[in-house]
Amino acid sequence: MNVSIRIHSRQTANGESEAIEQTAEGVYVFGEALSTLRYEEDPSGGMEGTVSTFALEPGAVTLTREGQIACRMVFQPGKRHRFTYSTPYGSHDLGLFTRRLDVRLSENGGTVELGYDLEAEGVTLGSTELRLAFGQS
């Protein structure tokens, strides 16, 4: 189903915080065991030509980005996962620790809320709070 998506993100690093809000049009497929949300990233954010897909399962969310930016990030509360973040300028091995995960879905849309820390070589680079709200467009 075609959906409108509201994306709110807040990154905090070195005591400074930045909030970003944007909207996107995407496709949502609801399933009992697995739902997916897919949209093209806003080109003004440096992610031109990048498609983001959220695989939403009970207790886990996987974000796969393909295009200009490529990565596969797995979010599970209380767990650390490593991933490679690839850009046209090179790749970086990073880690993430999921502090919070709240997913509420129905056949008509839903919300995804994530709280996580990004890490490089065991050092926390910053924290992110991400909220996606989506419904039929």
N, C-alpha and C. Protein backbone atom coordinates (compact mmCIF):
# COMPACT_ATOMS: atom_id res chain seq x y z
N MET A 1 0.84 -1.16 0.00
CA MET A 1 0.00 0.00 0.00
C MET A 1 0.90 1.24 0.00
N ASN A 2 0.52 2.24 -0.77
CA ASN A 2 1.24 3.51 -0.77
C ASN A 2 0.95 4.27 0.52
N VAL A 3 2.02 4.81 1.13
CA VAL A 3 1.87 5.51 2.40
C VAL A 3 2.64 6.82 2.39
N SER A 4 2.18 7.74 3.23
CA SER A 4 2.92 8.97 3.53
C SER A 4 3.67 8.71 4.83
N ILE A 5 4.94 9.13 4.86
CA ILE A 5 5.79 8.85 6.01
C ILE A 5 6.30 10.16 6.58
N ARG A 6 6.16 10.33 7.90
CA ARG A 6 6.76 11.45 8.62
C ARG A 6 7.95 10.91 9.39
N ILE A 7 9.11 11.52 9.17
CA ILE A 7 10.35 11.05 9.78
C ILE A 7 10.89 12.15 10.68
N HIS A 8 11.11 11.81 11.95
CA HIS A 8 11.69 12.74 12.90
C HIS A 8 12.93 12.08 13.48
N SER A 9 14.05 12.77 13.39
CA SER A 9 15.32 12.23 13.88
C SER A 9 16.03 13.29 14.71
N ARG A 10 16.63 12.85 15.82
CA ARG A 10 17.44 13.75 16.65
C ARG A 10 18.75 13.04 16.94
N GLN A 11 19.85 13.67 16.48
CA GLN A 11 21.19 13.15 16.75
C GLN A 11 21.86 14.02 17.79
N THR A 12 22.50 13.36 18.75
CA THR A 12 23.24 14.07 19.78
C THR A 12 24.68 13.56 19.79
N ALA A 13 25.63 14.49 19.70
CA ALA A 13 27.05 14.14 19.74
C ALA A 13 27.81 15.30 20.36
N ASN A 14 28.78 14.97 21.21
CA ASN A 14 29.62 15.99 21.85
C ASN A 14 28.79 17.08 22.53
N GLY A 15 27.67 16.69 23.14
CA GLY A 15 26.84 17.63 23.87
C GLY A 15 25.96 18.51 23.01
N GLU A 16 26.02 18.34 21.70
CA GLU A 16 25.18 19.14 20.79
C GLU A 16 24.14 18.24 20.15
N SER A 17 22.96 18.81 19.93
CA SER A 17 21.85 18.04 19.39
C SER A 17 21.31 18.70 18.12
N GLU A 18 20.93 17.87 17.16
CA GLU A 18 20.35 18.37 15.92
C GLU A 18 19.11 17.56 15.58
N ALA A 19 18.02 18.25 15.30
CA ALA A 19 16.77 17.58 14.93
C ALA A 19 16.50 17.77 13.45
N ILE A 20 16.02 16.71 12.82
CA ILE A 20 15.68 16.74 11.40
C ILE A 20 14.28 16.17 11.24
N GLU A 21 13.45 16.88 10.49
CA GLU A 21 12.11 16.39 10.17
C GLU A 21 11.93 16.40 8.67
N GLN A 22 11.36 15.33 8.14
CA GLN A 22 11.10 15.27 6.70
C GLN A 22 9.92 14.36 6.44
N THR A 23 9.42 14.43 5.24
CA THR A 23 8.33 13.55 4.82
C THR A 23 8.77 12.81 3.57
N ALA A 24 8.15 11.67 3.33
CA ALA A 24 8.46 10.87 2.15
C ALA A 24 7.21 10.09 1.77
N GLU A 25 7.18 9.66 0.55
CA GLU A 25 6.15 8.74 0.08
C GLU A 25 6.81 7.38 -0.06
N GLY A 26 6.10 6.34 0.34
CA GLY A 26 6.72 5.01 0.29
C GLY A 26 5.69 3.93 0.11
N VAL A 27 6.16 2.70 0.31
CA VAL A 27 5.30 1.52 0.17
C VAL A 27 5.41 0.71 1.45
N TYR A 28 4.25 0.33 2.00
CA TYR A 28 4.18 -0.45 3.23
C TYR A 28 3.45 -1.76 2.93
N VAL A 29 4.04 -2.86 3.40
CA VAL A 29 3.41 -4.18 3.27
C VAL A 29 3.29 -4.76 4.67
N PHE A 30 2.06 -5.01 5.11
CA PHE A 30 1.80 -5.53 6.45
C PHE A 30 1.75 -7.05 6.40
N GLY A 31 2.40 -7.68 7.37
CA GLY A 31 2.34 -9.13 7.52
C GLY A 31 2.35 -9.48 9.00
N GLU A 32 1.85 -10.64 9.34
CA GLU A 32 1.80 -11.05 10.75
C GLU A 32 3.19 -11.22 11.33
N ALA A 33 4.12 -11.86 10.60
CA ALA A 33 5.47 -12.11 11.11
C ALA A 33 6.49 -11.09 10.61
N LEU A 34 6.23 -10.50 9.46
CA LEU A 34 7.17 -9.54 8.87
C LEU A 34 6.41 -8.50 8.08
N SER A 35 6.69 -7.23 8.38
CA SER A 35 6.14 -6.11 7.61
C SER A 35 7.32 -5.33 7.05
N THR A 36 7.11 -4.63 5.93
CA THR A 36 8.19 -3.82 5.36
C THR A 36 7.69 -2.42 5.04
N LEU A 37 8.61 -1.47 5.17
CA LEU A 37 8.37 -0.07 4.81
C LEU A 37 9.55 0.36 3.96
N ARG A 38 9.26 0.87 2.76
CA ARG A 38 10.32 1.21 1.81
C ARG A 38 10.06 2.61 1.24
N TYR A 39 11.14 3.42 1.17
CA TYR A 39 11.01 4.77 0.61
C TYR A 39 12.36 5.24 0.09
N GLU A 40 12.32 6.25 -0.78
CA GLU A 40 13.54 6.85 -1.30
C GLU A 40 13.92 8.02 -0.40
N GLU A 41 15.20 8.08 -0.03
CA GLU A 41 15.69 9.13 0.85
C GLU A 41 15.66 10.48 0.15
N ASP A 42 15.56 11.54 0.95
CA ASP A 42 15.55 12.92 0.47
C ASP A 42 16.93 13.25 -0.09
N PRO A 43 17.02 13.64 -1.36
CA PRO A 43 18.33 13.94 -1.96
C PRO A 43 19.05 15.12 -1.30
N SER A 44 18.32 16.01 -0.63
CA SER A 44 18.97 17.17 -0.02
C SER A 44 19.81 16.78 1.19
N GLY A 45 19.62 15.58 1.72
CA GLY A 45 20.38 15.14 2.88
C GLY A 45 21.64 14.39 2.52
N GLY A 46 22.06 14.45 1.25
CA GLY A 46 23.29 13.77 0.84
C GLY A 46 23.10 12.30 0.53
N MET A 47 21.84 11.86 0.43
CA MET A 47 21.58 10.45 0.18
C MET A 47 20.83 10.25 -1.14
N GLU A 48 21.13 11.09 -2.11
CA GLU A 48 20.47 11.02 -3.41
C GLU A 48 20.59 9.62 -3.99
N GLY A 49 19.46 9.09 -4.48
CA GLY A 49 19.45 7.78 -5.11
C GLY A 49 19.50 6.62 -4.13
N THR A 50 19.28 6.90 -2.84
CA THR A 50 19.33 5.84 -1.84
C THR A 50 17.90 5.43 -1.45
N VAL A 51 17.66 4.13 -1.46
CA VAL A 51 16.36 3.59 -1.04
C VAL A 51 16.54 2.90 0.31
N SER A 52 15.68 3.25 1.27
CA SER A 52 15.71 2.66 2.60
C SER A 52 14.55 1.69 2.75
N THR A 53 14.85 0.51 3.29
CA THR A 53 13.83 -0.49 3.55
C THR A 53 13.94 -0.94 5.00
N PHE A 54 12.84 -0.81 5.73
CA PHE A 54 12.76 -1.28 7.10
C PHE A 54 12.03 -2.62 7.10
N ALA A 55 12.68 -3.67 7.57
CA ALA A 55 12.03 -4.96 7.79
C ALA A 55 11.64 -4.99 9.26
N LEU A 56 10.35 -5.10 9.53
CA LEU A 56 9.80 -4.96 10.88
C LEU A 56 9.31 -6.32 11.37
N GLU A 57 10.00 -6.86 12.36
CA GLU A 57 9.66 -8.16 12.92
C GLU A 57 9.44 -8.00 14.43
N PRO A 58 8.76 -8.96 15.07
CA PRO A 58 8.63 -8.87 16.53
C PRO A 58 10.01 -8.87 17.18
N GLY A 59 10.33 -7.81 17.92
CA GLY A 59 11.58 -7.74 18.65
C GLY A 59 12.80 -7.30 17.86
N ALA A 60 12.64 -6.99 16.57
CA ALA A 60 13.79 -6.58 15.77
C ALA A 60 13.36 -5.74 14.57
N VAL A 61 14.23 -4.80 14.20
CA VAL A 61 14.04 -3.99 13.00
C VAL A 61 15.37 -4.03 12.24
N THR A 62 15.29 -4.27 10.93
CA THR A 62 16.49 -4.23 10.09
C THR A 62 16.30 -3.14 9.06
N LEU A 63 17.26 -2.21 9.02
CA LEU A 63 17.25 -1.12 8.04
C LEU A 63 18.30 -1.43 6.99
N THR A 64 17.87 -1.57 5.73
CA THR A 64 18.79 -1.79 4.62
C THR A 64 18.72 -0.58 3.71
N ARG A 65 19.89 -0.01 3.43
CA ARG A 65 19.97 1.11 2.49
C ARG A 65 20.75 0.64 1.27
N GLU A 66 20.22 1.01 0.09
CA GLU A 66 20.86 0.64 -1.17
C GLU A 66 20.92 1.86 -2.06
N GLY A 67 22.06 2.04 -2.73
CA GLY A 67 22.23 3.18 -3.62
C GLY A 67 23.49 3.93 -3.29
N GLN A 68 23.42 5.25 -3.31
CA GLN A 68 24.56 6.12 -3.00
C GLN A 68 25.17 5.76 -1.64
N ILE A 69 24.30 5.47 -0.67
CA ILE A 69 24.69 5.01 0.66
C ILE A 69 24.20 3.57 0.79
N ALA A 70 25.05 2.70 1.31
CA ALA A 70 24.66 1.30 1.48
C ALA A 70 25.04 0.82 2.87
N CYS A 71 24.10 0.15 3.53
CA CYS A 71 24.36 -0.46 4.83
C CYS A 71 23.21 -1.38 5.18
N ARG A 72 23.44 -2.20 6.20
CA ARG A 72 22.40 -3.07 6.76
C ARG A 72 22.54 -3.00 8.28
N MET A 73 21.61 -2.30 8.92
CA MET A 73 21.66 -2.07 10.37
C MET A 73 20.56 -2.90 11.05
N VAL A 74 20.96 -3.66 12.08
CA VAL A 74 20.01 -4.49 12.81
C VAL A 74 19.82 -3.88 14.20
N PHE A 75 18.56 -3.65 14.55
CA PHE A 75 18.20 -3.06 15.84
C PHE A 75 17.47 -4.10 16.69
N GLN A 76 18.04 -4.44 17.84
CA GLN A 76 17.41 -5.32 18.82
C GLN A 76 17.70 -4.72 20.19
N PRO A 77 16.67 -4.50 21.00
CA PRO A 77 16.87 -3.84 22.29
C PRO A 77 17.94 -4.54 23.15
N GLY A 78 18.88 -3.72 23.67
CA GLY A 78 19.91 -4.24 24.55
C GLY A 78 21.03 -4.98 23.86
N LYS A 79 21.07 -4.97 22.53
CA LYS A 79 22.10 -5.72 21.79
C LYS A 79 22.94 -4.81 20.92
N ARG A 80 24.20 -5.25 20.70
CA ARG A 80 25.12 -4.55 19.80
C ARG A 80 25.21 -5.32 18.50
N HIS A 81 25.26 -4.59 17.40
CA HIS A 81 25.45 -5.19 16.09
C HIS A 81 26.47 -4.35 15.33
N ARG A 82 27.27 -5.02 14.51
CA ARG A 82 28.25 -4.33 13.67
C ARG A 82 27.71 -4.26 12.25
N PHE A 83 28.11 -3.23 11.51
CA PHE A 83 27.71 -3.09 10.12
C PHE A 83 28.73 -2.25 9.37
N THR A 84 28.70 -2.34 8.06
CA THR A 84 29.57 -1.53 7.21
C THR A 84 28.71 -0.45 6.56
N TYR A 85 29.16 0.79 6.68
CA TYR A 85 28.47 1.95 6.11
C TYR A 85 29.29 2.39 4.90
N SER A 86 28.74 2.20 3.71
CA SER A 86 29.45 2.49 2.47
C SER A 86 28.92 3.75 1.81
N THR A 87 29.85 4.62 1.41
CA THR A 87 29.53 5.86 0.69
C THR A 87 30.39 5.90 -0.57
N PRO A 88 30.14 6.85 -1.46
CA PRO A 88 31.00 6.97 -2.65
C PRO A 88 32.46 7.29 -2.29
N TYR A 89 32.70 7.73 -1.06
CA TYR A 89 34.03 8.15 -0.64
C TYR A 89 34.77 7.07 0.16
N GLY A 90 34.10 5.96 0.46
CA GLY A 90 34.73 4.89 1.21
C GLY A 90 33.76 4.22 2.16
N SER A 91 34.26 3.19 2.83
CA SER A 91 33.43 2.41 3.75
C SER A 91 33.98 2.52 5.17
N HIS A 92 33.06 2.39 6.14
CA HIS A 92 33.43 2.47 7.54
C HIS A 92 32.77 1.31 8.29
N ASP A 93 33.54 0.62 9.12
CA ASP A 93 32.98 -0.41 9.99
C ASP A 93 32.52 0.27 11.26
N LEU A 94 31.23 0.12 11.55
CA LEU A 94 30.63 0.78 12.71
C LEU A 94 29.87 -0.24 13.54
N GLY A 95 29.48 0.18 14.71
CA GLY A 95 28.63 -0.62 15.56
C GLY A 95 27.45 0.20 16.03
N LEU A 96 26.42 -0.49 16.46
CA LEU A 96 25.30 0.22 17.05
C LEU A 96 24.78 -0.57 18.23
N PHE A 97 24.34 0.16 19.23
CA PHE A 97 23.73 -0.42 20.41
C PHE A 97 22.31 0.14 20.51
N THR A 98 21.32 -0.74 20.49
CA THR A 98 19.92 -0.31 20.53
C THR A 98 19.48 -0.17 21.99
N ARG A 99 19.13 1.05 22.35
CA ARG A 99 18.63 1.33 23.69
C ARG A 99 17.13 1.13 23.79
N ARG A 100 16.43 1.45 22.69
CA ARG A 100 14.96 1.41 22.73
C ARG A 100 14.42 1.03 21.36
N LEU A 101 13.37 0.22 21.37
CA LEU A 101 12.70 -0.19 20.14
C LEU A 101 11.21 -0.33 20.45
N ASP A 102 10.39 0.42 19.73
CA ASP A 102 8.94 0.34 19.91
C ASP A 102 8.31 0.37 18.53
N VAL A 103 7.67 -0.72 18.15
CA VAL A 103 7.03 -0.84 16.84
C VAL A 103 5.56 -1.14 17.05
N ARG A 104 4.71 -0.30 16.44
CA ARG A 104 3.26 -0.49 16.52
C ARG A 104 2.71 -0.46 15.10
N LEU A 105 2.16 -1.60 14.67
CA LEU A 105 1.73 -1.74 13.29
C LEU A 105 0.29 -2.20 13.19
N SER A 106 -0.36 -1.78 12.11
CA SER A 106 -1.67 -2.31 11.73
C SER A 106 -1.67 -2.44 10.22
N GLU A 107 -2.76 -2.92 9.68
CA GLU A 107 -2.86 -3.04 8.22
C GLU A 107 -2.82 -1.67 7.54
N ASN A 108 -3.17 -0.59 8.28
CA ASN A 108 -3.27 0.75 7.68
C ASN A 108 -2.05 1.63 7.90
N GLY A 109 -1.05 1.16 8.66
CA GLY A 109 0.12 1.98 8.93
C GLY A 109 0.68 1.69 10.29
N GLY A 110 1.43 2.66 10.84
CA GLY A 110 1.98 2.43 12.16
C GLY A 110 3.06 3.43 12.52
N THR A 111 3.78 3.09 13.60
CA THR A 111 4.92 3.90 14.05
C THR A 111 6.09 2.98 14.38
N VAL A 112 7.27 3.52 14.17
CA VAL A 112 8.51 2.84 14.55
C VAL A 112 9.33 3.86 15.32
N GLU A 113 9.75 3.51 16.54
CA GLU A 113 10.58 4.40 17.34
C GLU A 113 11.83 3.64 17.75
N LEU A 114 12.99 4.25 17.47
CA LEU A 114 14.28 3.66 17.78
C LEU A 114 15.13 4.64 18.57
N GLY A 115 15.85 4.13 19.56
CA GLY A 115 16.87 4.89 20.26
C GLY A 115 18.14 4.07 20.21
N TYR A 116 19.22 4.63 19.65
CA TYR A 116 20.44 3.83 19.52
C TYR A 116 21.68 4.71 19.55
N ASP A 117 22.80 4.06 19.88
CA ASP A 117 24.11 4.71 19.89
C ASP A 117 24.95 4.16 18.76
N LEU A 118 25.64 5.04 18.03
CA LEU A 118 26.59 4.63 17.00
C LEU A 118 27.98 4.58 17.60
N GLU A 119 28.75 3.55 17.21
CA GLU A 119 30.08 3.36 17.77
C GLU A 119 31.09 3.08 16.66
N ALA A 120 32.32 3.51 16.89
CA ALA A 120 33.44 3.18 16.00
C ALA A 120 34.62 2.80 16.90
N GLU A 121 35.16 1.63 16.67
CA GLU A 121 36.30 1.14 17.45
C GLU A 121 36.05 1.24 18.95
N GLY A 122 34.83 0.90 19.37
CA GLY A 122 34.48 0.87 20.78
C GLY A 122 34.16 2.21 21.41
N VAL A 123 34.20 3.28 20.62
CA VAL A 123 33.92 4.62 21.14
C VAL A 123 32.56 5.08 20.61
N THR A 124 31.72 5.59 21.51
CA THR A 124 30.41 6.08 21.09
C THR A 124 30.58 7.40 20.34
N LEU A 125 30.07 7.43 19.10
CA LEU A 125 30.15 8.64 18.28
C LEU A 125 28.99 9.58 18.55
N GLY A 126 27.84 9.02 18.91
CA GLY A 126 26.66 9.83 19.16
C GLY A 126 25.45 8.95 19.37
N SER A 127 24.36 9.59 19.73
CA SER A 127 23.09 8.91 19.97
C SER A 127 22.04 9.44 19.02
N THR A 128 21.13 8.56 18.63
CA THR A 128 20.05 8.94 17.71
C THR A 128 18.72 8.47 18.25
N GLU A 129 17.73 9.34 18.14
CA GLU A 129 16.33 9.00 18.39
C GLU A 129 15.63 9.15 17.05
N LEU A 130 14.98 8.10 16.59
CA LEU A 130 14.32 8.11 15.28
C LEU A 130 12.88 7.70 15.45
N ARG A 131 11.97 8.46 14.83
CA ARG A 131 10.54 8.13 14.84
C ARG A 131 9.99 8.21 13.44
N LEU A 132 9.39 7.12 12.99
CA LEU A 132 8.70 7.08 11.70
C LEU A 132 7.22 6.86 11.98
N ALA A 133 6.36 7.68 11.39
CA ALA A 133 4.91 7.50 11.48
C ALA A 133 4.38 7.46 10.06
N PHE A 134 3.59 6.46 9.75
CA PHE A 134 3.17 6.29 8.36
C PHE A 134 1.75 5.74 8.28
N GLY A 135 1.08 6.15 7.20
CA GLY A 135 -0.29 5.70 6.96
C GLY A 135 -0.66 5.93 5.51
N GLN A 136 -1.79 5.41 5.14
CA GLN A 136 -2.24 5.45 3.76
C GLN A 136 -2.27 6.87 3.22
N SER A 137 -1.71 7.03 2.01
CA SER A 137 -1.67 8.38 1.42
C SER A 137 -2.84 8.62 0.50
